Amino acid sequence: MGILRLIILVLIFNLYLSAGVILRAPNSFISGEPFVFEYELSGSSVNFPNIEKIDQYIVEGLGTSKSLQIINGSYSEKVSKKYRIYPTSDFTIPSFDFEIDGKLEKSEEKKVTKSVALKTKSQQFDLTIQTEKKELFVGESTILKLVFKYKRDLQITNLGFTPPHFENFWYKKLDNKNNRYEQNGYIVQELEYLLFPQKVGKLKINPLKVDVQMIDITSSNNFGFFSAVPKVTKVYSNELSFDIKPLPQAINLIGNFDIKAFVDKTKIKQGESISYKLVISGFGNFDDIQDKKLNIKDAIVYDNKPKVETSYENDRYKGIYEKVYSIVPSDSIIIPSQSISYFDKQSQKVITKKTQEFKIEVENSLNSSQEVVLEKAIDTPVIKKDIIETKTSNSEKVIYFVLGIVFSLLIFGLLNLVKIKKNKNRRVDTPLIKQVKSSKDKQELLKVLVPFINKDEILDELIYKCEKEGEFSSLKKDIISTIKNLKL
């Protein structure tokens, strides 16, 4: 009976070793975490199928491992390949075709279900997420604090924490100076995130996770600490639920904002440019401020990229938005008022603030009235002269012919001299080139060049390149060469 049992075990063992395709995969997964599965093939020659998707989820390959094994005196190869997906709902791993020793082998089909992570209850660890406000408006900020603590005497070798992704929230990690301390025999670590909900309704933040790798002393043998086996424990937090209310229609900002505008001058000559600066400051969902564009009739507007600075101070998310425009009017214009509207939670009202408008006067404009004085032609008396006919001798004709040739040569020489002088004058720098050469910094150079925007594509490209790059002196030669070719 014992011999029969041994034979059965050997057959089962050989059957296991010679099994074609083995799928190793959990029966369930936790939302938000990667799902890892593995296929193992045994044979002298194996080929894996190209697995790109399972259901709608993209499959990532995590690597391949190989080893040699001996079965009944024959050598064969064992190949394992791991994969990863990020599922959000129940799914099925379908059957795939694998080629082993020239034959097709089908893998098993497996259903995988979604499970919910529950908060870990332990005397050794604790992970908690908390917030002061759970009822918010869209775009209103709140602080989410993550607190992780563990017993001080634990022999922890590594803490694995993947930065969270808060779905339906815009979020930003805040820098804390004192985020690690000891309390009642525990080591406590804190992280803070600034959250801005982006969607109306009931929103949820799923439990977060920390992988704790520590020495398992119970698995050690007589050799002590150095032979102890490290183990990984998954520690889960609680979940959070929020009730998000909508802002008034057509409003996307909440907080308190201010807007101002400035110009460097209000009276210019035709062809000159003015600098218009727009400044928005305040606190709230500052990153939702939309870029401001200017569209002014009878003017070319060249706008720089806005400069935005934000910070979290005194429990408020503050910011300042600055944008500078260069405006070249072709006639007297009015720069219209700019506005910003936001929802003030304290007063429960929509508040709109506006800048002043600016009237820019352009001297010698094309539309300015100019008096044109037409002088009446003065009648001049016609003086009649008597015509006396004279006869010319042959010798005089010869003299006149020679003088005509000499006079023609003189005129031809004078014309060549005039051409030479004109060519010399062309080599002299034009006033524009002189201004370009004498410009001391990038801003001064841009003021000279702004009136010539849209004259030529190459010149436009050089102007924009000069505005973006910090070093402008190297671009002067190209700009001067282009101006000479354009004869500006």
Foldseek 3Di string as FASTA:
>chain_A
DVVVVVVVVVVVVLCVQQPAKDKAFDQEDEAPDKGKIKIKGKAADKDDDDDQDFPNWGKDWDDKDKDWDARPNDIMMMMMTMIITRDHAKGKDPWDWMAHPNDTDIDDIGTYGYDADDADDDPFKHWEKDWDAQEEAAQFKTKIKIKIKGAPPFAWDDKDFDPDDFPQKDKDWDDDDPQWDDDPRITMGMTMMMIGGHDAAKGKFGKGKMKTKGFDQVQDDPVGDVRTDIDIDIGIYHMGIHHYHYDPPPANWEFDKAKEKDKPDQEEAALFKIKIKIKMWGWTSVVPDDDDDFDWPQKDKDKDDWDKDWDQDPNTIIIMIMIMIIIHGLAWTKRDKDKHWYQYPVVRDIDMYIYHIGTHHYPPHPPDDDDDDDDDDDDDDDDDDDDDDDDDDPVVVVVVVVVVVVVVVVVVVVVVVVVVVVVVVLVDDDPLLVQLVPDDALVSNLSSCVSCPPVDPVLNVLSVVSVPDRDNPVSSVVNSVVCSVVVD
